[in-house]
Amino acid sequence: MNKTIKMVLMVAGIALLIYGIYTMVAPEAAISVGPLNMEAQDNTNSYITIGLGVVALIVAFLGGKKS
């Protein structure tokens, strides 16, 4: 595997991991009525993003190995 492809996969994998963790932690919607505060979030897309990041990193590290 070419070194440029490895580097692109590593950068994309790290970016996907960071974005997935950010979307998991940051709330999507917040409502504040007087003393009552409510937050809602849907984490299904963040799990997919984190999974794609991990797969990209695994392919980058193991893709060029020859047996």
PDB file of N, CA and C in Angstrom:
ATOM      1  N   MET A   1       0.846  -1.165   0.000  1.00  0.00           N
ATOM      2  CA  MET A   1       0.000   0.000   0.000  1.00  0.00           C
ATOM      3  C   MET A   1       0.902   1.242   0.000  1.00  0.00           C
ATOM      4  N   ASN A   2       0.511   2.222  -0.762  1.00  0.00           N
ATOM      5  CA  ASN A   2       1.275   3.447  -0.905  1.00  0.00           C
ATOM      6  C   ASN A   2       1.297   4.241   0.407  1.00  0.00           C
ATOM      7  N   LYS A   3       2.399   4.944   0.672  1.00  0.00           N
ATOM      8  CA  LYS A   3       2.511   5.710   1.916  1.00  0.00           C
ATOM      9  C   LYS A   3       1.498   6.843   1.971  1.00  0.00           C
ATOM     10  N   THR A   4       1.168   7.425   0.815  1.00  0.00           N
ATOM     11  CA  THR A   4       0.174   8.508   0.824  1.00  0.00           C
ATOM     12  C   THR A   4      -1.201   7.982   1.198  1.00  0.00           C
ATOM     13  N   ILE A   5      -1.550   6.829   0.707  1.00  0.00           N
ATOM     14  CA  ILE A   5      -2.848   6.241   1.043  1.00  0.00           C
ATOM     15  C   ILE A   5      -2.900   5.916   2.534  1.00  0.00           C
ATOM     16  N   LYS A   6      -1.812   5.389   3.074  1.00  0.00           N
ATOM     17  CA  LYS A   6      -1.749   5.106   4.508  1.00  0.00           C
ATOM     18  C   LYS A   6      -1.938   6.376   5.322  1.00  0.00           C
ATOM     19  N   MET A   7      -1.264   7.455   4.905  1.00  0.00           N
ATOM     20  CA  MET A   7      -1.355   8.711   5.638  1.00  0.00           C
ATOM     21  C   MET A   7      -2.771   9.285   5.568  1.00  0.00           C
ATOM     22  N   VAL A   8      -3.394   9.210   4.396  1.00  0.00           N
ATOM     23  CA  VAL A   8      -4.766   9.703   4.248  1.00  0.00           C
ATOM     24  C   VAL A   8      -5.716   8.896   5.117  1.00  0.00           C
ATOM     25  N   LEU A   9      -5.552   7.570   5.140  1.00  0.00           N
ATOM     26  CA  LEU A   9      -6.407   6.727   5.979  1.00  0.00           C
ATOM     27  C   LEU A   9      -6.202   7.020   7.462  1.00  0.00           C
ATOM     28  N   MET A  10      -4.959   7.261   7.865  1.00  0.00           N
ATOM     29  CA  MET A  10      -4.702   7.566   9.272  1.00  0.00           C
ATOM     30  C   MET A  10      -5.322   8.899   9.673  1.00  0.00           C
ATOM     31  N   VAL A  11      -5.168   9.918   8.833  1.00  0.00           N
ATOM     32  CA  VAL A  11      -5.746  11.231   9.141  1.00  0.00           C
ATOM     33  C   VAL A  11      -7.270  11.147   9.151  1.00  0.00           C
ATOM     34  N   ALA A  12      -7.845  10.443   8.178  1.00  0.00           N
ATOM     35  CA  ALA A  12      -9.297  10.296   8.130  1.00  0.00           C
ATOM     36  C   ALA A  12      -9.805   9.508   9.336  1.00  0.00           C
ATOM     37  N   GLY A  13      -9.086   8.463   9.726  1.00  0.00           N
ATOM     38  CA  GLY A  13      -9.495   7.670  10.883  1.00  0.00           C
ATOM     39  C   GLY A  13      -9.462   8.472  12.166  1.00  0.00           C
ATOM     40  N   ILE A  14      -8.406   9.256  12.353  1.00  0.00           N
ATOM     41  CA  ILE A  14      -8.311  10.077  13.563  1.00  0.00           C
ATOM     42  C   ILE A  14      -9.393  11.149  13.563  1.00  0.00           C
ATOM     43  N   ALA A  15      -9.637  11.758  12.397  1.00  0.00           N
ATOM     44  CA  ALA A  15     -10.680  12.789  12.308  1.00  0.00           C
ATOM     45  C   ALA A  15     -12.063  12.202  12.595  1.00  0.00           C
ATOM     46  N   LEU A  16     -12.334  11.018  12.071  1.00  0.00           N
ATOM     47  CA  LEU A  16     -13.629  10.371  12.326  1.00  0.00           C
ATOM     48  C   LEU A  16     -13.788  10.009  13.800  1.00  0.00           C
ATOM     49  N   LEU A  17     -12.724   9.535  14.423  1.00  0.00           N
ATOM     50  CA  LEU A  17     -12.789   9.215  15.849  1.00  0.00           C
ATOM     51  C   LEU A  17     -13.074  10.461  16.684  1.00  0.00           C
ATOM     52  N   ILE A  18     -12.364  11.540  16.400  1.00  0.00           N
ATOM     53  CA  ILE A  18     -12.566  12.776  17.167  1.00  0.00           C
ATOM     54  C   ILE A  18     -13.975  13.310  16.961  1.00  0.00           C
ATOM     55  N   TYR A  19     -14.449  13.318  15.714  1.00  0.00           N
ATOM     56  CA  TYR A  19     -15.801  13.808  15.443  1.00  0.00           C
ATOM     57  C   TYR A  19     -16.861  12.916  16.098  1.00  0.00           C
ATOM     58  N   GLY A  20     -16.671  11.612  16.051  1.00  0.00           N
ATOM     59  CA  GLY A  20     -17.630  10.699  16.668  1.00  0.00           C
ATOM     60  C   GLY A  20     -17.698  10.865  18.172  1.00  0.00           C
ATOM     61  N   ILE A  21     -16.553  11.029  18.821  1.00  0.00           N
ATOM     62  CA  ILE A  21     -16.543  11.237  20.271  1.00  0.00           C
ATOM     63  C   ILE A  21     -17.166  12.579  20.615  1.00  0.00           C
ATOM     64  N   TYR A  22     -16.896  13.616  19.793  1.00  0.00           N
ATOM     65  CA  TYR A  22     -17.495  14.931  20.049  1.00  0.00           C
ATOM     66  C   TYR A  22     -19.014  14.879  19.942  1.00  0.00           C
ATOM     67  N   THR A  23     -19.535  14.202  18.899  1.00  0.00           N
ATOM     68  CA  THR A  23     -20.992  14.139  18.747  1.00  0.00           C
ATOM     69  C   THR A  23     -21.635  13.284  19.831  1.00  0.00           C
ATOM     70  N   MET A  24     -20.877  12.366  20.408  1.00  0.00           N
ATOM     71  CA  MET A  24     -21.424  11.553  21.491  1.00  0.00           C
ATOM     72  C   MET A  24     -21.528  12.360  22.781  1.00  0.00           C
ATOM     73  N   VAL A  25     -20.567  13.241  23.017  1.00  0.00           N
ATOM     74  CA  VAL A  25     -20.505  13.990  24.262  1.00  0.00           C
ATOM     75  C   VAL A  25     -21.387  15.238  24.218  1.00  0.00           C
ATOM     76  N   ALA A  26     -21.397  15.942  23.099  1.00  0.00           N
ATOM     77  CA  ALA A  26     -22.144  17.205  22.995  1.00  0.00           C
ATOM     78  C   ALA A  26     -23.638  16.926  22.865  1.00  0.00           C
ATOM     79  N   PRO A  27     -24.472  17.602  23.643  1.00  0.00           N
ATOM     80  CA  PRO A  27     -25.919  17.388  23.534  1.00  0.00           C
ATOM     81  C   PRO A  27     -26.466  17.997  22.243  1.00  0.00           C
ATOM     82  N   GLU A  28     -27.477  17.346  21.668  1.00  0.00           N
ATOM     83  CA  GLU A  28     -28.073  17.835  20.427  1.00  0.00           C
ATOM     84  C   GLU A  28     -29.102  18.925  20.682  1.00  0.00           C
ATOM     85  N   ALA A  29     -29.917  18.760  21.684  1.00  0.00           N
ATOM     86  CA  ALA A  29     -30.973  19.729  21.959  1.00  0.00           C
ATOM     87  C   ALA A  29     -31.066  19.958  23.455  1.00  0.00           C
ATOM     88  N   ALA A  30     -31.278  21.202  23.821  1.00  0.00           N
ATOM     89  CA  ALA A  30     -31.417  21.538  25.240  1.00  0.00           C
ATOM     90  C   ALA A  30     -32.593  22.491  25.414  1.00  0.00           C
ATOM     91  N   ILE A  31     -33.389  22.231  26.450  1.00  0.00           N
ATOM     92  CA  ILE A  31     -34.540  23.080  26.777  1.00  0.00           C
ATOM     93  C   ILE A  31     -34.383  23.537  28.214  1.00  0.00           C
ATOM     94  N   SER A  32     -34.574  24.822  28.413  1.00  0.00           N
ATOM     95  CA  SER A  32     -34.471  25.368  29.756  1.00  0.00           C
ATOM     96  C   SER A  32     -35.728  26.174  30.049  1.00  0.00           C
ATOM     97  N   VAL A  33     -36.529  25.691  31.013  1.00  0.00           N
ATOM     98  CA  VAL A  33     -37.744  26.383  31.427  1.00  0.00           C
ATOM     99  C   VAL A  33     -37.646  26.600  32.927  1.00  0.00           C
ATOM    100  N   GLY A  34     -37.317  27.817  33.312  1.00  0.00           N
ATOM    101  CA  GLY A  34     -37.156  28.117  34.729  1.00  0.00           C
ATOM    102  C   GLY A  34     -36.034  27.285  35.318  1.00  0.00           C
ATOM    103  N   PRO A  35     -36.305  26.604  36.431  1.00  0.00           N
ATOM    104  CA  PRO A  35     -35.259  25.776  37.044  1.00  0.00           C
ATOM    105  C   PRO A  35     -35.100  24.403  36.377  1.00  0.00           C
ATOM    106  N   LEU A  36     -35.953  24.081  35.428  1.00  0.00           N
ATOM    107  CA  LEU A  36     -35.943  22.767  34.778  1.00  0.00           C
ATOM    108  C   LEU A  36     -35.065  22.807  33.523  1.00  0.00           C
ATOM    109  N   ASN A  37     -34.075  21.944  33.462  1.00  0.00           N
ATOM    110  CA  ASN A  37     -33.192  21.829  32.296  1.00  0.00           C
ATOM    111  C   ASN A  37     -33.288  20.428  31.728  1.00  0.00           C
ATOM    112  N   MET A  38     -33.491  20.320  30.419  1.00  0.00           N
ATOM    113  CA  MET A  38     -33.599  19.023  29.757  1.00  0.00           C
ATOM    114  C   MET A  38     -32.620  18.980  28.584  1.00  0.00           C
ATOM    115  N   GLU A  39     -31.949  17.857  28.422  1.00  0.00           N
ATOM    116  CA  GLU A  39     -31.049  17.644  27.298  1.00  0.00           C
ATOM    117  C   GLU A  39     -31.402  16.328  26.618  1.00  0.00           C
ATOM    118  N   ALA A  40     -31.347  16.326  25.299  1.00  0.00           N
ATOM    119  CA  ALA A  40     -31.636  15.108  24.542  1.00  0.00           C
ATOM    120  C   ALA A  40     -30.530  14.890  23.525  1.00  0.00           C
ATOM    121  N   GLN A  41     -30.178  13.638  23.333  1.00  0.00           N
ATOM    122  CA  GLN A  41     -29.192  13.325  22.312  1.00  0.00           C
ATOM    123  C   GLN A  41     -29.429  11.927  21.761  1.00  0.00           C
ATOM    124  N   ASP A  42     -29.044  11.769  20.504  1.00  0.00           N
ATOM    125  CA  ASP A  42     -29.174  10.494  19.805  1.00  0.00           C
ATOM    126  C   ASP A  42     -27.779  10.076  19.373  1.00  0.00           C
ATOM    127  N   ASN A  43     -27.264   8.979  19.902  1.00  0.00           N
ATOM    128  CA  ASN A  43     -25.876   8.585  19.689  1.00  0.00           C
ATOM    129  C   ASN A  43     -25.684   7.548  18.587  1.00  0.00           C
ATOM    130  N   THR A  44     -26.714   7.206  17.838  1.00  0.00           N
ATOM    131  CA  THR A  44     -26.555   6.131  16.854  1.00  0.00           C
ATOM    132  C   THR A  44     -25.564   6.503  15.759  1.00  0.00           C
ATOM    133  N   ASN A  45     -25.591   7.743  15.290  1.00  0.00           N
ATOM    134  CA  ASN A  45     -24.653   8.140  14.230  1.00  0.00           C
ATOM    135  C   ASN A  45     -23.231   8.234  14.750  1.00  0.00           C
ATOM    136  N   SER A  46     -23.057   8.594  16.004  1.00  0.00           N
ATOM    137  CA  SER A  46     -21.703   8.707  16.535  1.00  0.00           C
ATOM    138  C   SER A  46     -21.045   7.338  16.666  1.00  0.00           C
ATOM    139  N   TYR A  47     -21.804   6.305  16.970  1.00  0.00           N
ATOM    140  CA  TYR A  47     -21.229   4.957  17.024  1.00  0.00           C
ATOM    141  C   TYR A  47     -20.742   4.517  15.641  1.00  0.00           C
ATOM    142  N   ILE A  48     -21.500   4.842  14.609  1.00  0.00           N
ATOM    143  CA  ILE A  48     -21.114   4.494  13.245  1.00  0.00           C
ATOM    144  C   ILE A  48     -19.848   5.252  12.854  1.00  0.00           C
ATOM    145  N   THR A  49     -19.769   6.537  13.213  1.00  0.00           N
ATOM    146  CA  THR A  49     -18.602   7.346  12.888  1.00  0.00           C
ATOM    147  C   THR A  49     -17.352   6.826  13.595  1.00  0.00           C
ATOM    148  N   ILE A  50     -17.486   6.470  14.858  1.00  0.00           N
ATOM    149  CA  ILE A  50     -16.350   5.921  15.599  1.00  0.00           C
ATOM    150  C   ILE A  50     -15.916   4.586  14.996  1.00  0.00           C
ATOM    151  N   GLY A  51     -16.860   3.753  14.625  1.00  0.00           N
ATOM    152  CA  GLY A  51     -16.542   2.469  13.995  1.00  0.00           C
ATOM    153  C   GLY A  51     -15.806   2.639  12.679  1.00  0.00           C
ATOM    154  N   LEU A  52     -16.242   3.600  11.858  1.00  0.00           N
ATOM    155  CA  LEU A  52     -15.551   3.858  10.595  1.00  0.00           C
ATOM    156  C   LEU A  52     -14.134   4.376  10.835  1.00  0.00           C
ATOM    157  N   GLY A  53     -13.961   5.187  11.868  1.00  0.00           N
ATOM    158  CA  GLY A  53     -12.623   5.676  12.205  1.00  0.00           C
ATOM    159  C   GLY A  53     -11.700   4.557  12.619  1.00  0.00           C
ATOM    160  N   VAL A  54     -12.210   3.629  13.420  1.00  0.00           N
ATOM    161  CA  VAL A  54     -11.400   2.490  13.864  1.00  0.00           C
ATOM    162  C   VAL A  54     -11.037   1.600  12.675  1.00  0.00           C
ATOM    163  N   VAL A  55     -11.995   1.370  11.790  1.00  0.00           N
ATOM    164  CA  VAL A  55     -11.729   0.543  10.607  1.00  0.00           C
ATOM    165  C   VAL A  55     -10.675   1.205   9.715  1.00  0.00           C
ATOM    166  N   ALA A  56     -10.772   2.517   9.532  1.00  0.00           N
ATOM    167  CA  ALA A  56      -9.781   3.224   8.708  1.00  0.00           C
ATOM    168  C   ALA A  56      -8.386   3.127   9.317  1.00  0.00           C
ATOM    169  N   LEU A  57      -8.293   3.234  10.647  1.00  0.00           N
ATOM    170  CA  LEU A  57      -6.993   3.114  11.300  1.00  0.00           C
ATOM    171  C   LEU A  57      -6.432   1.693  11.195  1.00  0.00           C
ATOM    172  N   ILE A  58      -7.292   0.697  11.330  1.00  0.00           N
ATOM    173  CA  ILE A  58      -6.830  -0.697  11.213  1.00  0.00           C
ATOM    174  C   ILE A  58      -6.340  -0.969   9.795  1.00  0.00           C
ATOM    175  N   VAL A  59      -7.062  -0.499   8.798  1.00  0.00           N
ATOM    176  CA  VAL A  59      -6.634  -0.701   7.406  1.00  0.00           C
ATOM    177  C   VAL A  59      -5.322   0.029   7.150  1.00  0.00           C
ATOM    178  N   ALA A  60      -5.151   1.225   7.730  1.00  0.00           N
ATOM    179  CA  ALA A  60      -3.918   1.974   7.528  1.00  0.00           C
ATOM    180  C   ALA A  60      -2.722   1.252   8.143  1.00  0.00           C
ATOM    181  N   PHE A  61      -2.909   0.673   9.324  1.00  0.00           N
ATOM    182  CA  PHE A  61      -1.797   0.003   9.974  1.00  0.00           C
ATOM    183  C   PHE A  61      -1.512  -1.384   9.405  1.00  0.00           C
ATOM    184  N   LEU A  62      -2.539  -2.120   9.041  1.00  0.00           N
ATOM    185  CA  LEU A  62      -2.335  -3.500   8.592  1.00  0.00           C
ATOM    186  C   LEU A  62      -2.414  -3.679   7.084  1.00  0.00           C
ATOM    187  N   GLY A  63      -2.781  -2.654   6.348  1.00  0.00           N
ATOM    188  CA  GLY A  63      -2.995  -2.774   4.914  1.00  0.00           C
ATOM    189  C   GLY A  63      -1.735  -3.079   4.128  1.00  0.00           C
ATOM    190  N   GLY A  64      -0.604  -2.576   4.523  1.00  0.00           N
ATOM    191  CA  GLY A  64       0.602  -2.731   3.736  1.00  0.00           C
ATOM    192  C   GLY A  64       1.478  -3.896   4.148  1.00  0.00           C
ATOM    193  N   LYS A  65       1.095  -4.645   5.147  1.00  0.00           N
ATOM    194  CA  LYS A  65       1.909  -5.766   5.623  1.00  0.00           C
ATOM    195  C   LYS A  65       1.858  -6.906   4.625  1.00  0.00           C
ATOM    196  N   LYS A  66       3.025  -7.459   4.339  1.00  0.00           N
ATOM    197  CA  LYS A  66       3.091  -8.614   3.429  1.00  0.00           C
ATOM    198  C   LYS A  66       3.499  -9.841   4.218  1.00  0.00           C
ATOM    199  N   SER A  67       2.783 -10.928   3.980  1.00  0.00           N
ATOM    200  CA  SER A  67       3.052 -12.170   4.700  1.00  0.00           C
ATOM    201  C   SER A  67       4.115 -12.987   4.027  1.00  0.00           C
TER     202      SER A  67
END
